[in-house]
Amino acid sequence: MEKTKYNDNKLAEEFDLIMLVNDRHEKNGLPNGSMGTLTYSYTGMGRPLYAEFAAADGTRFEEPLAVNDFRVLNERTKSDLSLIARYLQKRKPFI
């Protein structure tokens, strides 16, 4: 199988839409299934990646992540597109 950012998080890039796949960040209000945007991609040597998340009150914050804390969402697949659409429906409008 060819490695892509959808099956190897080390290939994830800034501005990729991601979803958390574990509860390691639940204490910070980010349970499994939380969606965010990768803001700093894989750096190697044990350094964290960073993603931006929106809190319930609309504020945004960055969270350091391990390479196995998330997966990159692929908007070209029906299942991920459905997840993205449900997420956007819950968000406050930009107006």
PDB file of N, CA and C in Angstrom:
ATOM      1  N   MET A   1       0.837  -1.179   0.000  1.00  0.00           N
ATOM      2  CA  MET A   1       0.000   0.000   0.000  1.00  0.00           C
ATOM      3  C   MET A   1       0.887   1.251   0.000  1.00  0.00           C
ATOM      4  N   GLU A   2       0.549   2.174  -0.842  1.00  0.00           N
ATOM      5  CA  GLU A   2       1.283   3.435  -0.912  1.00  0.00           C
ATOM      6  C   GLU A   2       0.985   4.275   0.333  1.00  0.00           C
ATOM      7  N   LYS A   3       2.025   4.864   0.909  1.00  0.00           N
ATOM      8  CA  LYS A   3       1.833   5.711   2.084  1.00  0.00           C
ATOM      9  C   LYS A   3       1.331   7.085   1.636  1.00  0.00           C
ATOM     10  N   THR A   4       0.278   7.530   2.318  1.00  0.00           N
ATOM     11  CA  THR A   4      -0.279   8.862   2.100  1.00  0.00           C
ATOM     12  C   THR A   4      -0.552   9.475   3.466  1.00  0.00           C
ATOM     13  N   LYS A   5      -0.912  10.730   3.478  1.00  0.00           N
ATOM     14  CA  LYS A   5      -1.230  11.377   4.757  1.00  0.00           C
ATOM     15  C   LYS A   5      -2.494  10.793   5.388  1.00  0.00           C
ATOM     16  N   TYR A   6      -3.284  10.061   4.614  1.00  0.00           N
ATOM     17  CA  TYR A   6      -4.502   9.454   5.138  1.00  0.00           C
ATOM     18  C   TYR A   6      -4.239   8.125   5.840  1.00  0.00           C
ATOM     19  N   ASN A   7      -3.058   7.531   5.621  1.00  0.00           N
ATOM     20  CA  ASN A   7      -2.730   6.278   6.314  1.00  0.00           C
ATOM     21  C   ASN A   7      -1.400   6.348   7.059  1.00  0.00           C
ATOM     22  N   ASP A   8      -0.724   7.495   7.010  1.00  0.00           N
ATOM     23  CA  ASP A   8       0.541   7.690   7.729  1.00  0.00           C
ATOM     24  C   ASP A   8       0.600   9.134   8.223  1.00  0.00           C
ATOM     25  N   ASN A   9       0.349   9.338   9.500  1.00  0.00           N
ATOM     26  CA  ASN A   9       0.310  10.692  10.057  1.00  0.00           C
ATOM     27  C   ASN A   9       1.621  11.452   9.925  1.00  0.00           C
ATOM     28  N   LYS A  10       2.712  10.755   9.719  1.00  0.00           N
ATOM     29  CA  LYS A  10       3.985  11.451   9.531  1.00  0.00           C
ATOM     30  C   LYS A  10       3.989  12.282   8.250  1.00  0.00           C
ATOM     31  N   LEU A  11       3.053  12.006   7.352  1.00  0.00           N
ATOM     32  CA  LEU A  11       2.955  12.749   6.094  1.00  0.00           C
ATOM     33  C   LEU A  11       1.904  13.856   6.154  1.00  0.00           C
ATOM     34  N   ALA A  12       1.250  14.030   7.306  1.00  0.00           N
ATOM     35  CA  ALA A  12       0.234  15.076   7.456  1.00  0.00           C
ATOM     36  C   ALA A  12       0.865  16.447   7.249  1.00  0.00           C
ATOM     37  N   GLU A  13       0.047  17.362   6.756  1.00  0.00           N
ATOM     38  CA  GLU A  13       0.530  18.701   6.422  1.00  0.00           C
ATOM     39  C   GLU A  13      -0.271  19.766   7.163  1.00  0.00           C
ATOM     40  N   GLU A  14       0.309  20.943   7.282  1.00  0.00           N
ATOM     41  CA  GLU A  14      -0.403  22.063   7.875  1.00  0.00           C
ATOM     42  C   GLU A  14      -1.707  22.279   7.110  1.00  0.00           C
ATOM     43  N   PHE A  15      -2.736  22.651   7.827  1.00  0.00           N
ATOM     44  CA  PHE A  15      -4.080  22.938   7.322  1.00  0.00           C
ATOM     45  C   PHE A  15      -4.883  21.695   6.962  1.00  0.00           C
ATOM     46  N   ASP A  16      -4.361  20.499   7.236  1.00  0.00           N
ATOM     47  CA  ASP A  16      -5.166  19.294   7.068  1.00  0.00           C
ATOM     48  C   ASP A  16      -6.227  19.261   8.158  1.00  0.00           C
ATOM     49  N   LEU A  17      -7.432  18.853   7.794  1.00  0.00           N
ATOM     50  CA  LEU A  17      -8.491  18.662   8.769  1.00  0.00           C
ATOM     51  C   LEU A  17      -8.274  17.309   9.420  1.00  0.00           C
ATOM     52  N   ILE A  18      -8.273  17.295  10.755  1.00  0.00           N
ATOM     53  CA  ILE A  18      -7.979  16.059  11.481  1.00  0.00           C
ATOM     54  C   ILE A  18      -9.089  15.725  12.469  1.00  0.00           C
ATOM     55  N   MET A  19      -9.097  14.472  12.909  1.00  0.00           N
ATOM     56  CA  MET A  19     -10.013  14.017  13.935  1.00  0.00           C
ATOM     57  C   MET A  19      -9.225  13.223  14.964  1.00  0.00           C
ATOM     58  N   LEU A  20      -9.457  13.517  16.236  1.00  0.00           N
ATOM     59  CA  LEU A  20      -8.780  12.773  17.299  1.00  0.00           C
ATOM     60  C   LEU A  20      -9.324  11.345  17.347  1.00  0.00           C
ATOM     61  N   VAL A  21      -8.435  10.397  17.593  1.00  0.00           N
ATOM     62  CA  VAL A  21      -8.819   8.984  17.601  1.00  0.00           C
ATOM     63  C   VAL A  21      -8.640   8.332  18.973  1.00  0.00           C
ATOM     64  N   ASN A  22      -8.396   9.140  19.989  1.00  0.00           N
ATOM     65  CA  ASN A  22      -8.289   8.618  21.359  1.00  0.00           C
ATOM     66  C   ASN A  22      -8.731   9.706  22.336  1.00  0.00           C
ATOM     67  N   ASP A  23      -8.769   9.372  23.598  1.00  0.00           N
ATOM     68  CA  ASP A  23      -9.214  10.317  24.632  1.00  0.00           C
ATOM     69  C   ASP A  23      -8.063  10.926  25.425  1.00  0.00           C
ATOM     70  N   ARG A  24      -6.862  10.922  24.883  1.00  0.00           N
ATOM     71  CA  ARG A  24      -5.702  11.466  25.609  1.00  0.00           C
ATOM     72  C   ARG A  24      -5.835  12.957  25.908  1.00  0.00           C
ATOM     73  N   HIS A  25      -6.682  13.678  25.166  1.00  0.00           N
ATOM     74  CA  HIS A  25      -6.814  15.125  25.343  1.00  0.00           C
ATOM     75  C   HIS A  25      -8.176  15.515  25.920  1.00  0.00           C
ATOM     76  N   GLU A  26      -8.887  14.523  26.450  1.00  0.00           N
ATOM     77  CA  GLU A  26     -10.221  14.768  26.999  1.00  0.00           C
ATOM     78  C   GLU A  26     -10.182  15.760  28.159  1.00  0.00           C
ATOM     79  N   LYS A  27      -9.127  15.716  28.958  1.00  0.00           N
ATOM     80  CA  LYS A  27      -9.018  16.642  30.101  1.00  0.00           C
ATOM     81  C   LYS A  27      -8.952  18.097  29.636  1.00  0.00           C
ATOM     82  N   ASN A  28      -8.598  18.317  28.373  1.00  0.00           N
ATOM     83  CA  ASN A  28      -8.546  19.664  27.800  1.00  0.00           C
ATOM     84  C   ASN A  28      -9.795  19.964  26.974  1.00  0.00           C
ATOM     85  N   GLY A  29     -10.842  19.138  27.141  1.00  0.00           N
ATOM     86  CA  GLY A  29     -12.089  19.364  26.429  1.00  0.00           C
ATOM     87  C   GLY A  29     -12.112  18.790  25.026  1.00  0.00           C
ATOM     88  N   LEU A  30     -11.206  17.853  24.726  1.00  0.00           N
ATOM     89  CA  LEU A  30     -11.115  17.279  23.384  1.00  0.00           C
ATOM     90  C   LEU A  30     -11.253  15.759  23.441  1.00  0.00           C
ATOM     91  N   PRO A  31     -12.486  15.259  23.469  1.00  0.00           N
ATOM     92  CA  PRO A  31     -12.671  13.811  23.488  1.00  0.00           C
ATOM     93  C   PRO A  31     -12.410  13.194  22.118  1.00  0.00           C
ATOM     94  N   ASN A  32     -12.368  11.876  22.101  1.00  0.00           N
ATOM     95  CA  ASN A  32     -12.249  11.118  20.861  1.00  0.00           C
ATOM     96  C   ASN A  32     -13.308  11.625  19.873  1.00  0.00           C
ATOM     97  N   GLY A  33     -12.920  11.878  18.635  1.00  0.00           N
ATOM     98  CA  GLY A  33     -13.842  12.366  17.617  1.00  0.00           C
ATOM     99  C   GLY A  33     -13.806  13.868  17.420  1.00  0.00           C
ATOM    100  N   SER A  34     -13.091  14.603  18.280  1.00  0.00           N
ATOM    101  CA  SER A  34     -12.978  16.055  18.111  1.00  0.00           C
ATOM    102  C   SER A  34     -12.242  16.362  16.813  1.00  0.00           C
ATOM    103  N   MET A  35     -12.695  17.413  16.130  1.00  0.00           N
ATOM    104  CA  MET A  35     -12.071  17.801  14.866  1.00  0.00           C
ATOM    105  C   MET A  35     -11.327  19.116  15.025  1.00  0.00           C
ATOM    106  N   GLY A  36     -10.236  19.220  14.290  1.00  0.00           N
ATOM    107  CA  GLY A  36      -9.428  20.426  14.304  1.00  0.00           C
ATOM    108  C   GLY A  36      -8.621  20.521  13.029  1.00  0.00           C
ATOM    109  N   THR A  37      -7.750  21.503  12.997  1.00  0.00           N
ATOM    110  CA  THR A  37      -6.897  21.744  11.837  1.00  0.00           C
ATOM    111  C   THR A  37      -5.445  21.676  12.269  1.00  0.00           C
ATOM    112  N   LEU A  38      -4.672  20.876  11.573  1.00  0.00           N
ATOM    113  CA  LEU A  38      -3.251  20.762  11.886  1.00  0.00           C
ATOM    114  C   LEU A  38      -2.567  22.090  11.579  1.00  0.00           C
ATOM    115  N   THR A  39      -1.829  22.617  12.543  1.00  0.00           N
ATOM    116  CA  THR A  39      -1.157  23.900  12.343  1.00  0.00           C
ATOM    117  C   THR A  39       0.354  23.763  12.271  1.00  0.00           C
ATOM    118  N   TYR A  40       0.876  22.650  12.762  1.00  0.00           N
ATOM    119  CA  TYR A  40       2.314  22.420  12.691  1.00  0.00           C
ATOM    120  C   TYR A  40       2.508  20.931  12.515  1.00  0.00           C
ATOM    121  N   SER A  41       3.057  20.522  11.388  1.00  0.00           N
ATOM    122  CA  SER A  41       3.098  19.103  11.065  1.00  0.00           C
ATOM    123  C   SER A  41       4.311  18.401  11.664  1.00  0.00           C
ATOM    124  N   TYR A  42       4.472  17.164  11.334  1.00  0.00           N
ATOM    125  CA  TYR A  42       5.478  16.291  11.948  1.00  0.00           C
ATOM    126  C   TYR A  42       6.877  16.887  11.903  1.00  0.00           C
ATOM    127  N   THR A  43       7.508  16.917  13.060  1.00  0.00           N
ATOM    128  CA  THR A  43       8.850  17.483  13.148  1.00  0.00           C
ATOM    129  C   THR A  43       9.900  16.423  13.451  1.00  0.00           C
ATOM    130  N   GLY A  44       9.478  15.227  13.831  1.00  0.00           N
ATOM    131  CA  GLY A  44      10.428  14.168  14.171  1.00  0.00           C
ATOM    132  C   GLY A  44      11.068  14.392  15.523  1.00  0.00           C
ATOM    133  N   MET A  45      11.940  13.508  15.896  1.00  0.00           N
ATOM    134  CA  MET A  45      12.719  13.601  17.127  1.00  0.00           C
ATOM    135  C   MET A  45      11.842  13.779  18.364  1.00  0.00           C
ATOM    136  N   GLY A  46      10.635  13.194  18.353  1.00  0.00           N
ATOM    137  CA  GLY A  46       9.778  13.222  19.528  1.00  0.00           C
ATOM    138  C   GLY A  46       9.065  14.528  19.806  1.00  0.00           C
ATOM    139  N   ARG A  47       9.202  15.509  18.949  1.00  0.00           N
ATOM    140  CA  ARG A  47       8.507  16.784  19.151  1.00  0.00           C
ATOM    141  C   ARG A  47       7.042  16.630  18.762  1.00  0.00           C
ATOM    142  N   PRO A  48       6.139  17.361  19.437  1.00  0.00           N
ATOM    143  CA  PRO A  48       4.710  17.224  19.127  1.00  0.00           C
ATOM    144  C   PRO A  48       4.333  17.935  17.832  1.00  0.00           C
ATOM    145  N   LEU A  49       3.192  17.549  17.309  1.00  0.00           N
ATOM    146  CA  LEU A  49       2.530  18.284  16.244  1.00  0.00           C
ATOM    147  C   LEU A  49       1.549  19.204  16.954  1.00  0.00           C
ATOM    148  N   TYR A  50       1.026  20.188  16.284  1.00  0.00           N
ATOM    149  CA  TYR A  50       0.044  21.078  16.896  1.00  0.00           C
ATOM    150  C   TYR A  50      -1.176  21.187  15.991  1.00  0.00           C
ATOM    151  N   ALA A  51      -2.336  21.257  16.639  1.00  0.00           N
ATOM    152  CA  ALA A  51      -3.586  21.439  15.910  1.00  0.00           C
ATOM    153  C   ALA A  51      -4.411  22.499  16.611  1.00  0.00           C
ATOM    154  N   GLU A  52      -5.209  23.214  15.840  1.00  0.00           N
ATOM    155  CA  GLU A  52      -6.103  24.225  16.381  1.00  0.00           C
ATOM    156  C   GLU A  52      -7.497  23.634  16.489  1.00  0.00           C
ATOM    157  N   PHE A  53      -8.136  23.881  17.632  1.00  0.00           N
ATOM    158  CA  PHE A  53      -9.482  23.410  17.890  1.00  0.00           C
ATOM    159  C   PHE A  53     -10.338  24.590  18.316  1.00  0.00           C
ATOM    160  N   ALA A  54     -11.644  24.498  18.085  1.00  0.00           N
ATOM    161  CA  ALA A  54     -12.584  25.524  18.523  1.00  0.00           C
ATOM    162  C   ALA A  54     -13.296  25.024  19.773  1.00  0.00           C
ATOM    163  N   ALA A  55     -13.300  25.845  20.808  1.00  0.00           N
ATOM    164  CA  ALA A  55     -14.011  25.509  22.042  1.00  0.00           C
ATOM    165  C   ALA A  55     -15.504  25.785  21.851  1.00  0.00           C
ATOM    166  N   ALA A  56     -16.328  25.289  22.764  1.00  0.00           N
ATOM    167  CA  ALA A  56     -17.777  25.463  22.673  1.00  0.00           C
ATOM    168  C   ALA A  56     -18.178  26.938  22.635  1.00  0.00           C
ATOM    169  N   ASP A  57     -17.390  27.801  23.290  1.00  0.00           N
ATOM    170  CA  ASP A  57     -17.725  29.232  23.309  1.00  0.00           C
ATOM    171  C   ASP A  57     -17.215  29.981  22.076  1.00  0.00           C
ATOM    172  N   GLY A  58     -16.620  29.256  21.133  1.00  0.00           N
ATOM    173  CA  GLY A  58     -16.142  29.876  19.902  1.00  0.00           C
ATOM    174  C   GLY A  58     -14.683  30.281  19.913  1.00  0.00           C
ATOM    175  N   THR A  59     -14.056  30.268  21.078  1.00  0.00           N
ATOM    176  CA  THR A  59     -12.631  30.601  21.121  1.00  0.00           C
ATOM    177  C   THR A  59     -11.824  29.461  20.498  1.00  0.00           C
ATOM    178  N   ARG A  60     -10.634  29.782  20.074  1.00  0.00           N
ATOM    179  CA  ARG A  60      -9.766  28.788  19.441  1.00  0.00           C
ATOM    180  C   ARG A  60      -8.510  28.619  20.285  1.00  0.00           C
ATOM    181  N   PHE A  61      -7.982  27.398  20.276  1.00  0.00           N
ATOM    182  CA  PHE A  61      -6.749  27.138  21.012  1.00  0.00           C
ATOM    183  C   PHE A  61      -5.963  26.043  20.305  1.00  0.00           C
ATOM    184  N   GLU A  62      -4.644  26.057  20.527  1.00  0.00           N
ATOM    185  CA  GLU A  62      -3.778  25.028  19.959  1.00  0.00           C
ATOM    186  C   GLU A  62      -3.506  23.957  20.997  1.00  0.00           C
ATOM    187  N   GLU A  63      -3.375  22.737  20.522  1.00  0.00           N
ATOM    188  CA  GLU A  63      -3.125  21.595  21.390  1.00  0.00           C
ATOM    189  C   GLU A  63      -1.968  20.790  20.804  1.00  0.00           C
ATOM    190  N   PRO A  64      -0.961  20.460  21.618  1.00  0.00           N
ATOM    191  CA  PRO A  64       0.111  19.583  21.122  1.00  0.00           C
ATOM    192  C   PRO A  64      -0.408  18.147  21.011  1.00  0.00           C
ATOM    193  N   LEU A  65      -0.055  17.476  19.935  1.00  0.00           N
ATOM    194  CA  LEU A  65      -0.519  16.115  19.679  1.00  0.00           C
ATOM    195  C   LEU A  65       0.650  15.184  19.401  1.00  0.00           C
ATOM    196  N   ALA A  66       0.459  13.921  19.729  1.00  0.00           N
ATOM    197  CA  ALA A  66       1.395  12.882  19.322  1.00  0.00           C
ATOM    198  C   ALA A  66       0.960  12.384  17.943  1.00  0.00           C
ATOM    199  N   VAL A  67       1.856  11.762  17.243  1.00  0.00           N
ATOM    200  CA  VAL A  67       1.584  11.324  15.877  1.00  0.00           C
ATOM    201  C   VAL A  67       0.461  10.286  15.815  1.00  0.00           C
ATOM    202  N   ASN A  68       0.170   9.607  16.916  1.00  0.00           N
ATOM    203  CA  ASN A  68      -0.898   8.595  16.901  1.00  0.00           C
ATOM    204  C   ASN A  68      -2.189   9.069  17.569  1.00  0.00           C
ATOM    205  N   ASP A  69      -2.329  10.366  17.824  1.00  0.00           N
ATOM    206  CA  ASP A  69      -3.529  10.916  18.462  1.00  0.00           C
ATOM    207  C   ASP A  69      -4.645  11.226  17.471  1.00  0.00           C
ATOM    208  N   PHE A  70      -4.387  11.239  16.189  1.00  0.00           N
ATOM    209  CA  PHE A  70      -5.351  11.725  15.207  1.00  0.00           C
ATOM    210  C   PHE A  70      -5.235  10.954  13.901  1.00  0.00           C
ATOM    211  N   ARG A  71      -6.181  11.254  13.028  1.00  0.00           N
ATOM    212  CA  ARG A  71      -6.072  10.823  11.639  1.00  0.00           C
ATOM    213  C   ARG A  71      -6.499  11.986  10.766  1.00  0.00           C
ATOM    214  N   VAL A  72      -5.940  12.061   9.576  1.00  0.00           N
ATOM    215  CA  VAL A  72      -6.289  13.108   8.628  1.00  0.00           C
ATOM    216  C   VAL A  72      -7.584  12.697   7.927  1.00  0.00           C
ATOM    217  N   LEU A  73      -8.527  13.620   7.876  1.00  0.00           N
ATOM    218  CA  LEU A  73      -9.791  13.355   7.199  1.00  0.00           C
ATOM    219  C   LEU A  73      -9.635  13.572   5.696  1.00  0.00           C
ATOM    220  N   ASN A  74     -10.248  12.688   4.936  1.00  0.00           N
ATOM    221  CA  ASN A  74     -10.184  12.758   3.479  1.00  0.00           C
ATOM    222  C   ASN A  74     -11.555  13.171   2.953  1.00  0.00           C
ATOM    223  N   GLU A  75     -11.671  14.419   2.529  1.00  0.00           N
ATOM    224  CA  GLU A  75     -12.955  14.946   2.059  1.00  0.00           C
ATOM    225  C   GLU A  75     -13.428  14.280   0.769  1.00  0.00           C
ATOM    226  N   ARG A  76     -12.611  13.445   0.170  1.00  0.00           N
ATOM    227  CA  ARG A  76     -13.003  12.744  -1.058  1.00  0.00           C
ATOM    228  C   ARG A  76     -13.693  11.406  -0.784  1.00  0.00           C
ATOM    229  N   THR A  77     -13.742  11.012   0.499  1.00  0.00           N
ATOM    230  CA  THR A  77     -14.445   9.777   0.833  1.00  0.00           C
ATOM    231  C   THR A  77     -15.795  10.122   1.442  1.00  0.00           C
ATOM    232  N   LYS A  78     -16.779   9.313   1.137  1.00  0.00           N
ATOM    233  CA  LYS A  78     -18.142   9.565   1.592  1.00  0.00           C
ATOM    234  C   LYS A  78     -18.238   9.601   3.117  1.00  0.00           C
ATOM    235  N   SER A  79     -17.558   8.663   3.779  1.00  0.00           N
ATOM    236  CA  SER A  79     -17.657   8.601   5.245  1.00  0.00           C
ATOM    237  C   SER A  79     -17.037   9.831   5.910  1.00  0.00           C
ATOM    238  N   ASP A  80     -15.864  10.259   5.450  1.00  0.00           N
ATOM    239  CA  ASP A  80     -15.234  11.443   6.044  1.00  0.00           C
ATOM    240  C   ASP A  80     -15.990  12.714   5.672  1.00  0.00           C
ATOM    241  N   LEU A  81     -16.508  12.801   4.466  1.00  0.00           N
ATOM    242  CA  LEU A  81     -17.278  13.976   4.064  1.00  0.00           C
ATOM    243  C   LEU A  81     -18.517  14.118   4.943  1.00  0.00           C
ATOM    244  N   SER A  82     -19.134  13.003   5.286  1.00  0.00           N
ATOM    245  CA  SER A  82     -20.288  13.013   6.174  1.00  0.00           C
ATOM    246  C   SER A  82     -19.907  13.541   7.562  1.00  0.00           C
ATOM    247  N   LEU A  83     -18.756  13.106   8.091  1.00  0.00           N
ATOM    248  CA  LEU A  83     -18.275  13.601   9.388  1.00  0.00           C
ATOM    249  C   LEU A  83     -18.021  15.102   9.340  1.00  0.00           C
ATOM    250  N   ILE A  84     -17.412  15.559   8.279  1.00  0.00           N
ATOM    251  CA  ILE A  84     -17.092  16.989   8.117  1.00  0.00           C
ATOM    252  C   ILE A  84     -18.377  17.806   8.053  1.00  0.00           C
ATOM    253  N   ALA A  85     -19.355  17.342   7.295  1.00  0.00           N
ATOM    254  CA  ALA A  85     -20.621  18.064   7.154  1.00  0.00           C
ATOM    255  C   ALA A  85     -21.344  18.165   8.498  1.00  0.00           C
ATOM    256  N   ARG A  86     -21.387  17.070   9.276  1.00  0.00           N
ATOM    257  CA  ARG A  86     -22.033  17.113  10.591  1.00  0.00           C
ATOM    258  C   ARG A  86     -21.311  18.081  11.525  1.00  0.00           C
ATOM    259  N   TYR A  87     -19.995  18.105  11.459  1.00  0.00           N
ATOM    260  CA  TYR A  87     -19.202  19.018  12.285  1.00  0.00           C
ATOM    261  C   TYR A  87     -19.534  20.471  11.932  1.00  0.00           C
ATOM    262  N   LEU A  88     -19.587  20.786  10.659  1.00  0.00           N
ATOM    263  CA  LEU A  88     -19.864  22.156  10.228  1.00  0.00           C
ATOM    264  C   LEU A  88     -21.284  22.584  10.583  1.00  0.00           C
ATOM    265  N   GLN A  89     -22.223  21.658  10.570  1.00  0.00           N
ATOM    266  CA  GLN A  89     -23.597  21.985  10.937  1.00  0.00           C
ATOM    267  C   GLN A  89     -23.716  22.383  12.400  1.00  0.00           C
ATOM    268  N   LYS A  90     -22.866  21.843  13.262  1.00  0.00           N
ATOM    269  CA  LYS A  90     -22.899  22.149  14.698  1.00  0.00           C
ATOM    270  C   LYS A  90     -22.243  23.482  15.027  1.00  0.00           C
ATOM    271  N   ARG A  91     -21.349  23.948  14.179  1.00  0.00           N
ATOM    272  CA  ARG A  91     -20.579  25.164  14.474  1.00  0.00           C
ATOM    273  C   ARG A  91     -21.438  26.407  14.353  1.00  0.00           C
ATOM    274  N   LYS A  92     -21.016  27.433  15.078  1.00  0.00           N
ATOM    275  CA  LYS A  92     -21.694  28.724  14.984  1.00  0.00           C
ATOM    276  C   LYS A  92     -21.446  29.299  13.595  1.00  0.00           C
ATOM    277  N   PRO A  93     -22.428  30.005  13.036  1.00  0.00           N
ATOM    278  CA  PRO A  93     -22.208  30.623  11.721  1.00  0.00           C
ATOM    279  C   PRO A  93     -21.127  31.696  11.795  1.00  0.00           C
ATOM    280  N   PHE A  94     -20.478  31.933  10.670  1.00  0.00           N
ATOM    281  CA  PHE A  94     -19.395  32.914  10.607  1.00  0.00           C
ATOM    282  C   PHE A  94     -19.928  34.346  10.490  1.00  0.00           C
ATOM    283  N   ILE A  95     -21.205  34.515  10.303  1.00  0.00           N
ATOM    284  CA  ILE A  95     -21.797  35.845  10.082  1.00  0.00           C
ATOM    285  C   ILE A  95     -21.829  36.614  11.377  1.00  0.00           C
TER     286      ILE A  95
END
